[in-house]
Amino acid sequence: MNAGNLQQANAEPRKQLEHGVFDIEAVKKTNEALIATIEESLQIADPGKKMRKEAAAQLEQCENEPRKTPASAQAKSAR
C-alpha cells in the first residue's frame, strides 16, 4: 500500500513538472516567431528608409537650385 501511495503521490508533481517544460517550449517557439517577425519588418523597412533619405537629399538639392540662380545672375551682371 505504501508503494502505491508513493507512486500516486509522485505522479501528480511529475505531471506538473512535465507541463512546465511544455510551457517553456511554447514560450521559446513564440519568441522565435516574434524575433522572425521583427527581423522581417526591419528588412522591409530598410529599403524604404534608404529611399526616403535619398528623396530628402534630392528635395534639398531642388530647393537650393533656385536660390543659386539669382545669386549667380547677379554675380554675372556685376562684372
Protein backbone atom coordinates (compact mmCIF):
# COMPACT_ATOMS: atom_id res chain seq x y z
CA MET A 1 0.00 0.00 0.00
CA ASN A 2 2.82 2.45 0.80
CA ALA A 3 4.43 1.78 -2.57
CA GLY A 4 1.10 2.52 -4.32
CA ASN A 5 0.67 5.74 -2.36
CA LEU A 6 4.23 6.78 -3.16
CA GLN A 7 3.69 6.07 -6.84
CA GLN A 8 0.45 8.07 -6.90
CA ALA A 9 1.98 10.91 -4.88
CA ASN A 10 4.87 11.07 -7.35
CA ALA A 11 2.63 11.04 -10.42
CA GLU A 12 0.93 14.41 -9.88
CA PRO A 13 4.06 16.51 -9.25
CA ARG A 14 5.73 14.74 -12.16
CA LYS A 15 2.83 15.69 -14.49
CA GLN A 16 3.03 19.29 -13.33
CA LEU A 17 6.77 19.34 -13.92
CA GLU A 18 6.33 17.98 -17.44
CA HIS A 19 3.61 20.55 -18.09
CA GLY A 20 6.05 23.29 -17.09
CA VAL A 21 8.59 22.02 -19.62
CA PHE A 22 5.91 22.11 -22.30
CA ASP A 23 5.08 25.73 -21.45
CA ILE A 24 8.75 26.71 -21.77
CA GLU A 25 8.84 25.17 -25.24
CA ALA A 26 5.75 27.14 -26.20
CA VAL A 27 7.41 30.36 -24.99
CA LYS A 28 10.55 29.54 -26.97
CA LYS A 29 8.55 28.98 -30.15
CA THR A 30 6.61 32.20 -29.61
CA ASN A 31 9.83 34.14 -29.06
CA GLU A 32 11.36 32.70 -32.23
CA ALA A 33 8.28 33.71 -34.22
CA LEU A 34 8.34 37.20 -32.70
CA ILE A 35 12.04 37.66 -33.48
CA ALA A 36 11.49 36.47 -37.06
CA THR A 37 8.62 38.94 -37.44
CA ILE A 38 10.73 41.83 -36.13
CA GLU A 39 13.63 40.93 -38.42
CA GLU A 40 11.30 40.70 -41.41
CA SER A 41 9.78 44.08 -40.56
CA LEU A 42 13.24 45.64 -40.39
CA GLN A 43 14.20 44.11 -43.74
CA ILE A 44 11.07 45.59 -45.28
CA ALA A 45 11.64 49.00 -43.64
CA ASP A 46 15.33 49.38 -44.53
CA PRO A 47 14.86 49.97 -48.29
CA GLY A 48 12.07 52.45 -47.56
CA LYS A 49 14.28 54.30 -45.10
CA LYS A 50 17.05 54.49 -47.70
CA MET A 51 14.64 55.77 -50.35
CA ARG A 52 13.27 58.46 -48.00
CA LYS A 53 16.82 59.61 -47.21
CA GLU A 54 17.68 59.83 -50.92
CA ALA A 55 14.43 61.68 -51.66
CA ALA A 56 15.14 64.18 -48.87
CA ALA A 57 18.60 64.85 -50.32
CA GLN A 58 17.13 65.35 -53.79
CA LEU A 59 14.43 67.65 -52.41
CA GLU A 60 17.05 69.73 -50.62
CA GLN A 61 19.03 69.96 -53.84
CA CYS A 62 15.90 71.06 -55.73
CA GLU A 63 15.20 73.71 -53.08
CA ASN A 64 18.75 75.06 -53.27
CA GLU A 65 18.94 75.34 -57.08
CA PRO A 66 16.58 78.32 -57.40
CA ARG A 67 18.45 80.11 -54.61
CA LYS A 68 21.73 79.76 -56.51
CA THR A 69 20.32 81.05 -59.80
CA PRO A 70 19.57 84.67 -58.73
CA ALA A 71 22.91 84.89 -56.91
CA SER A 72 24.70 83.58 -59.97
CA ALA A 73 22.85 86.01 -62.27
CA GLN A 74 23.69 88.97 -60.03
CA ALA A 75 27.35 87.99 -59.96
CA LYS A 76 27.47 87.83 -63.78
CA SER A 77 25.72 91.18 -64.26
CA ALA A 78 28.04 92.89 -61.77
CA ARG A 79 31.06 92.08 -63.95
